Amino acid sequence: MPNSPSDRPRRIRARREGPMLVEGPVEVELEDGTTASSDRFRVALCTCRRSRRFPWCDTSHRDKARGH
């Protein structure tokens, strides 16, 4: 379902457990109180903390899953 320009961004509190795919736009509240935002229609939130783009997933978790 497309978002209209008048929709307010969703606020998501990032947690360490579980991968999350979230329909956007989103504002992510990090543990230190700062926020990161995206206006994309869907975002992948990193929960493994390996991403260099945290809180956004960059698929860094795949190396651990394959045993590398």
C-alpha atoms as a PDB file:
ATOM      1  CA  MET A   1       0.000   0.000   0.000  1.00  0.00           C
ATOM      2  CA  PRO A   2       1.678   3.247  -1.076  1.00  0.00           C
ATOM      3  CA  ASN A   3       2.287   5.985   1.422  1.00  0.00           C
ATOM      4  CA  SER A   4       0.951   9.448   0.777  1.00  0.00           C
ATOM      5  CA  PRO A   5       3.161  12.501   1.367  1.00  0.00           C
ATOM      6  CA  SER A   6       0.949  13.417   4.340  1.00  0.00           C
ATOM      7  CA  ASP A   7       1.692  10.123   6.165  1.00  0.00           C
ATOM      8  CA  ARG A   8       3.969  10.487   9.162  1.00  0.00           C
ATOM      9  CA  PRO A   9       7.036   8.218   9.264  1.00  0.00           C
ATOM     10  CA  ARG A  10       6.751   5.100  11.394  1.00  0.00           C
ATOM     11  CA  ARG A  11       8.986   5.060  14.441  1.00  0.00           C
ATOM     12  CA  ILE A  12      10.701   1.730  15.120  1.00  0.00           C
ATOM     13  CA  ARG A  13      12.816   0.936  18.143  1.00  0.00           C
ATOM     14  CA  ALA A  14      15.768  -1.183  16.978  1.00  0.00           C
ATOM     15  CA  ARG A  15      16.400  -4.349  18.984  1.00  0.00           C
ATOM     16  CA  ARG A  16      19.244  -6.845  18.853  1.00  0.00           C
ATOM     17  CA  GLU A  17      17.069  -9.928  18.187  1.00  0.00           C
ATOM     18  CA  GLY A  18      15.453 -10.905  14.905  1.00  0.00           C
ATOM     19  CA  PRO A  19      15.676  -9.509  11.390  1.00  0.00           C
ATOM     20  CA  MET A  20      13.071  -6.914  10.511  1.00  0.00           C
ATOM     21  CA  LEU A  21      11.633  -5.822   7.170  1.00  0.00           C
ATOM     22  CA  VAL A  22       9.651  -2.657   7.673  1.00  0.00           C
ATOM     23  CA  GLU A  23       7.392  -0.768   5.281  1.00  0.00           C
ATOM     24  CA  GLY A  24       8.560   2.825   5.081  1.00  0.00           C
ATOM     25  CA  PRO A  25       8.984   5.619   5.464  1.00  0.00           C
ATOM     26  CA  VAL A  26      10.564   4.977   8.861  1.00  0.00           C
ATOM     27  CA  GLU A  27      12.397   6.680  11.682  1.00  0.00           C
ATOM     28  CA  VAL A  28      14.529   4.314  13.746  1.00  0.00           C
ATOM     29  CA  GLU A  29      15.265   5.267  17.333  1.00  0.00           C
ATOM     30  CA  LEU A  30      18.666   3.877  18.329  1.00  0.00           C
ATOM     31  CA  GLU A  31      19.724   2.923  21.847  1.00  0.00           C
ATOM     32  CA  ASP A  32      21.648   6.179  22.310  1.00  0.00           C
ATOM     33  CA  GLY A  33      18.527   8.217  21.504  1.00  0.00           C
ATOM     34  CA  THR A  34      19.599   9.302  18.015  1.00  0.00           C
ATOM     35  CA  THR A  35      17.396   8.636  15.014  1.00  0.00           C
ATOM     36  CA  ALA A  36      18.020   7.431  11.476  1.00  0.00           C
ATOM     37  CA  SER A  37      15.380   7.896   8.799  1.00  0.00           C
ATOM     38  CA  SER A  38      14.559   6.480   5.377  1.00  0.00           C
ATOM     39  CA  ASP A  39      11.841   7.381   2.913  1.00  0.00           C
ATOM     40  CA  ARG A  40      12.139   4.085   0.996  1.00  0.00           C
ATOM     41  CA  PHE A  41       9.009   1.945   0.610  1.00  0.00           C
ATOM     42  CA  ARG A  42      10.644  -0.945   2.523  1.00  0.00           C
ATOM     43  CA  VAL A  43      13.787  -1.147   4.643  1.00  0.00           C
ATOM     44  CA  ALA A  44      15.739  -4.002   6.202  1.00  0.00           C
ATOM     45  CA  LEU A  45      16.825  -3.263   9.742  1.00  0.00           C
ATOM     46  CA  CYS A  46      20.035  -4.901  10.972  1.00  0.00           C
ATOM     47  CA  THR A  47      19.678  -6.697  14.275  1.00  0.00           C
ATOM     48  CA  CYS A  48      22.969  -8.646  14.291  1.00  0.00           C
ATOM     49  CA  ARG A  49      25.067  -5.463  14.642  1.00  0.00           C
ATOM     50  CA  ARG A  50      27.518  -6.555  11.910  1.00  0.00           C
ATOM     51  CA  SER A  51      26.313  -4.012   9.330  1.00  0.00           C
ATOM     52  CA  ARG A  52      28.629  -1.141   8.489  1.00  0.00           C
ATOM     53  CA  ARG A  53      25.473   0.815   7.657  1.00  0.00           C
ATOM     54  CA  PHE A  54      23.693   0.104  10.982  1.00  0.00           C
ATOM     55  CA  PRO A  55      20.749   0.381  11.559  1.00  0.00           C
ATOM     56  CA  TRP A  56      20.285  -0.577   7.890  1.00  0.00           C
ATOM     57  CA  CYS A  57      21.132  -4.151   6.918  1.00  0.00           C
ATOM     58  CA  ASP A  58      24.016  -4.585   4.453  1.00  0.00           C
ATOM     59  CA  THR A  59      23.845  -8.439   4.511  1.00  0.00           C
ATOM     60  CA  SER A  60      26.995  -8.760   6.652  1.00  0.00           C
ATOM     61  CA  HIS A  61      25.162 -11.468   8.612  1.00  0.00           C
ATOM     62  CA  ARG A  62      25.423 -13.836   5.638  1.00  0.00           C
ATOM     63  CA  ASP A  63      29.151 -14.510   6.213  1.00  0.00           C
ATOM     64  CA  LYS A  64      28.488 -15.804   9.735  1.00  0.00           C
ATOM     65  CA  ALA A  65      25.552 -17.945   8.561  1.00  0.00           C
ATOM     66  CA  ARG A  66      27.792 -19.656   5.985  1.00  0.00           C
ATOM     67  CA  GLY A  67      30.503 -20.338   8.555  1.00  0.00           C
ATOM     68  CA  HIS A  68      33.082 -17.866   7.152  1.00  0.00           C
END
